[in-house]
C-alpha atoms as a PDB file:
ATOM      1  CA  MET A   1       3.821  -6.189  12.584  1.00  0.00           C
ATOM      2  CA  SER A   2       4.264  -3.874   9.677  1.00  0.00           C
ATOM      3  CA  MET A   3       2.814  -1.472   7.188  1.00  0.00           C
ATOM      4  CA  LYS A   4       4.125  -3.782   4.454  1.00  0.00           C
ATOM      5  CA  LYS A   5       1.758  -6.525   5.648  1.00  0.00           C
ATOM      6  CA  ALA A   6      -1.087  -4.032   5.986  1.00  0.00           C
ATOM      7  CA  SER A   7      -0.507  -2.855   2.408  1.00  0.00           C
ATOM      8  CA  ALA A   8      -0.434  -6.410   1.069  1.00  0.00           C
ATOM      9  CA  ALA A   9      -3.590  -7.258   3.034  1.00  0.00           C
ATOM     10  CA  VAL A  10      -5.448  -4.243   1.617  1.00  0.00           C
ATOM     11  CA  VAL A  11      -4.506  -5.301  -1.929  1.00  0.00           C
ATOM     12  CA  ALA A  12      -5.532  -8.930  -1.244  1.00  0.00           C
ATOM     13  CA  LEU A  13      -8.853  -7.888   0.326  1.00  0.00           C
ATOM     14  CA  HIS A  14      -9.538  -5.545  -2.569  1.00  0.00           C
ATOM     15  CA  GLN A  15      -9.092  -8.460  -4.976  1.00  0.00           C
ATOM     16  CA  LEU A  16     -11.179 -10.762  -2.781  1.00  0.00           C
ATOM     17  CA  LEU A  17     -14.047  -8.277  -2.720  1.00  0.00           C
ATOM     18  CA  ALA A  18     -13.819  -7.846  -6.498  1.00  0.00           C
ATOM     19  CA  ILE A  19     -14.142 -11.570  -7.255  1.00  0.00           C
ATOM     20  CA  GLN A  20     -16.008 -13.204  -4.374  1.00  0.00           C
ATOM     21  CA  SER A  21     -19.614 -12.808  -5.662  1.00  0.00           C
ATOM     22  CA  GLY A  22     -21.039 -14.457  -2.531  1.00  0.00           C
ATOM     23  CA  GLU A  23     -18.874 -17.567  -2.777  1.00  0.00           C
ATOM     24  CA  PRO A  24     -15.694 -18.346  -0.803  1.00  0.00           C
ATOM     25  CA  VAL A  25     -12.529 -17.590  -2.776  1.00  0.00           C
ATOM     26  CA  PRO A  26      -9.530 -19.915  -2.369  1.00  0.00           C
ATOM     27  CA  LEU A  27      -6.152 -18.315  -1.747  1.00  0.00           C
ATOM     28  CA  GLU A  28      -4.815 -19.937  -4.934  1.00  0.00           C
ATOM     29  CA  ARG A  29      -7.168 -17.722  -6.910  1.00  0.00           C
ATOM     30  CA  LEU A  30      -6.027 -14.634  -4.994  1.00  0.00           C
ATOM     31  CA  LYS A  31      -2.422 -15.636  -5.585  1.00  0.00           C
ATOM     32  CA  GLU A  32      -2.978 -15.261  -9.320  1.00  0.00           C
ATOM     33  CA  SER A  33      -4.400 -11.750  -9.081  1.00  0.00           C
ATOM     34  CA  THR A  34      -2.159 -10.329  -6.324  1.00  0.00           C
ATOM     35  CA  ASN A  35       1.270 -11.793  -7.175  1.00  0.00           C
ATOM     36  CA  LEU A  36       1.620 -12.769  -3.499  1.00  0.00           C
ATOM     37  CA  SER A  37       2.680 -16.288  -2.525  1.00  0.00           C
ATOM     38  CA  THR A  38       0.105 -18.658  -1.079  1.00  0.00           C
ATOM     39  CA  SER A  39       2.088 -18.934   2.168  1.00  0.00           C
ATOM     40  CA  TYR A  40       2.168 -15.141   2.568  1.00  0.00           C
ATOM     41  CA  LEU A  41      -1.570 -14.940   1.836  1.00  0.00           C
ATOM     42  CA  GLU A  42      -2.164 -17.656   4.449  1.00  0.00           C
ATOM     43  CA  LEU A  43      -0.266 -15.576   7.002  1.00  0.00           C
ATOM     44  CA  LEU A  44      -2.223 -12.424   6.149  1.00  0.00           C
ATOM     45  CA  PHE A  45      -5.617 -14.108   6.093  1.00  0.00           C
ATOM     46  CA  ALA A  46      -4.999 -15.922   9.384  1.00  0.00           C
ATOM     47  CA  SER A  47      -4.555 -12.504  11.024  1.00  0.00           C
ATOM     48  CA  LEU A  48      -7.584 -11.082   9.199  1.00  0.00           C
ATOM     49  CA  ARG A  49      -9.686 -14.068  10.287  1.00  0.00           C
ATOM     50  CA  ARG A  50      -8.621 -13.714  13.936  1.00  0.00           C
ATOM     51  CA  ALA A  51      -9.583 -10.034  13.752  1.00  0.00           C
ATOM     52  CA  GLY A  52     -13.018 -10.977  12.400  1.00  0.00           C
ATOM     53  CA  LEU A  53     -12.523  -9.222   9.068  1.00  0.00           C
ATOM     54  CA  VAL A  54     -12.922 -12.335   6.923  1.00  0.00           C
ATOM     55  CA  ILE A  55     -14.779 -15.607   7.262  1.00  0.00           C
ATOM     56  CA  SER A  56     -13.068 -18.825   6.258  1.00  0.00           C
ATOM     57  CA  THR A  57     -14.656 -21.987   4.944  1.00  0.00           C
ATOM     58  CA  ARG A  58     -12.746 -25.264   4.907  1.00  0.00           C
ATOM     59  CA  GLY A  59     -12.861 -28.166   2.507  1.00  0.00           C
ATOM     60  CA  PRO A  60     -13.750 -28.428  -1.164  1.00  0.00           C
ATOM     61  CA  GLY A  61     -15.194 -25.151  -2.354  1.00  0.00           C
ATOM     62  CA  GLY A  62     -13.674 -23.441   0.664  1.00  0.00           C
ATOM     63  CA  GLY A  63     -11.889 -20.157   0.879  1.00  0.00           C
ATOM     64  CA  TYR A  64     -12.511 -16.702   2.271  1.00  0.00           C
ATOM     65  CA  ILE A  65     -15.337 -14.201   2.207  1.00  0.00           C
ATOM     66  CA  ALA A  66     -15.015 -10.556   3.277  1.00  0.00           C
ATOM     67  CA  GLN A  67     -17.665  -8.020   4.204  1.00  0.00           C
ATOM     68  CA  GLU A  68     -17.980  -4.986   1.924  1.00  0.00           C
ATOM     69  CA  GLU A  69     -17.785  -2.652   4.923  1.00  0.00           C
ATOM     70  CA  ILE A  70     -14.123  -3.367   5.764  1.00  0.00           C
ATOM     71  CA  THR A  71     -12.081  -0.169   5.795  1.00  0.00           C
ATOM     72  CA  VAL A  72      -8.402   0.503   5.241  1.00  0.00           C
ATOM     73  CA  GLY A  73      -8.273   1.558   8.897  1.00  0.00           C
ATOM     74  CA  ASP A  74      -9.604  -1.855   9.983  1.00  0.00           C
ATOM     75  CA  VAL A  75      -6.725  -3.547   8.191  1.00  0.00           C
ATOM     76  CA  VAL A  76      -4.047  -1.113   9.381  1.00  0.00           C
ATOM     77  CA  SER A  77      -5.217  -1.704  12.970  1.00  0.00           C
ATOM     78  CA  VAL A  78      -4.577  -5.436  12.564  1.00  0.00           C
ATOM     79  CA  PHE A  79      -1.058  -5.196  11.158  1.00  0.00           C
ATOM     80  CA  VAL A  80       0.451  -1.969  12.492  1.00  0.00           C
ATOM     81  CA  THR A  81       1.132  -1.962  16.224  1.00  0.00           C
ATOM     82  CA  LYS A  82       2.759   1.435  16.751  1.00  0.00           C
ATOM     83  CA  GLY A  83       3.584   4.695  15.051  1.00  0.00           C
ATOM     84  CA  PHE A  84       2.007   7.478  13.046  1.00  0.00           C
ATOM     85  CA  MET A  85      -0.564   5.269  11.269  1.00  0.00           C
ATOM     86  CA  LEU A  86      -2.296   4.590  14.602  1.00  0.00           C
ATOM     87  CA  THR A  87      -2.814   8.223  15.572  1.00  0.00           C
ATOM     88  CA  MET A  88      -6.462   9.181  15.872  1.00  0.00           C
ATOM     89  CA  PRO A  89      -6.593  11.584  12.888  1.00  0.00           C
ATOM     90  CA  VAL A  90      -4.959   9.043  10.584  1.00  0.00           C
ATOM     91  CA  LEU A  91      -7.154   6.140  11.732  1.00  0.00           C
ATOM     92  CA  THR A  92     -10.257   8.329  11.454  1.00  0.00           C
ATOM     93  CA  ALA A  93      -9.341   9.144   7.854  1.00  0.00           C
ATOM     94  CA  LEU A  94      -8.516   5.516   7.000  1.00  0.00           C
ATOM     95  CA  ASN A  95     -11.751   4.300   8.596  1.00  0.00           C
ATOM     96  CA  GLY A  96     -13.575   6.487   6.089  1.00  0.00           C
ATOM     97  CA  VAL A  97     -12.141   4.544   3.145  1.00  0.00           C
ATOM     98  CA  ARG A  98     -13.886   1.267   2.391  1.00  0.00           C
ATOM     99  CA  ILE A  99     -11.683  -1.261   0.615  1.00  0.00           C
ATOM    100  CA  ALA A 100     -14.619  -2.074  -1.670  1.00  0.00           C
ATOM    101  CA  ASP A 101     -14.610   1.557  -2.847  1.00  0.00           C
ATOM    102  CA  LEU A 102     -10.966   1.598  -3.958  1.00  0.00           C
ATOM    103  CA  PRO A 103     -10.642   1.891  -7.743  1.00  0.00           C
ATOM    104  CA  GLU A 104     -10.321  -1.172  -9.965  1.00  0.00           C
ATOM    105  CA  GLY A 105      -6.695  -2.117 -10.488  1.00  0.00           C
ATOM    106  CA  PHE A 106      -5.732  -0.573  -7.162  1.00  0.00           C
ATOM    107  CA  SER A 107      -2.300  -1.423  -5.876  1.00  0.00           C
ATOM    108  CA  TRP A 108      -0.423   0.036  -2.983  1.00  0.00           C
END
């Protein structure tokens, strides 16, 4: 997997955390605020769900909910399988950055 997917996932999670207010957010709503296609968001969120970083709810009113404690390092660990980003100093630094704490309007 790639850093490109990790970057897109961080942006999507940042938007999800900004708008979720305790209710599941459908990917269609995230599509509007991230400029990512629904199919690409589905791919990203399937990986995030398998990693336990988001919870999905099916059916009417369904969507995704993320915990505020997710870090950039959590996401990078899901999508990047080798290379510099997985070295201990880099992951330690990224694990210190909560996605919820990124500034409004953040984009990678």
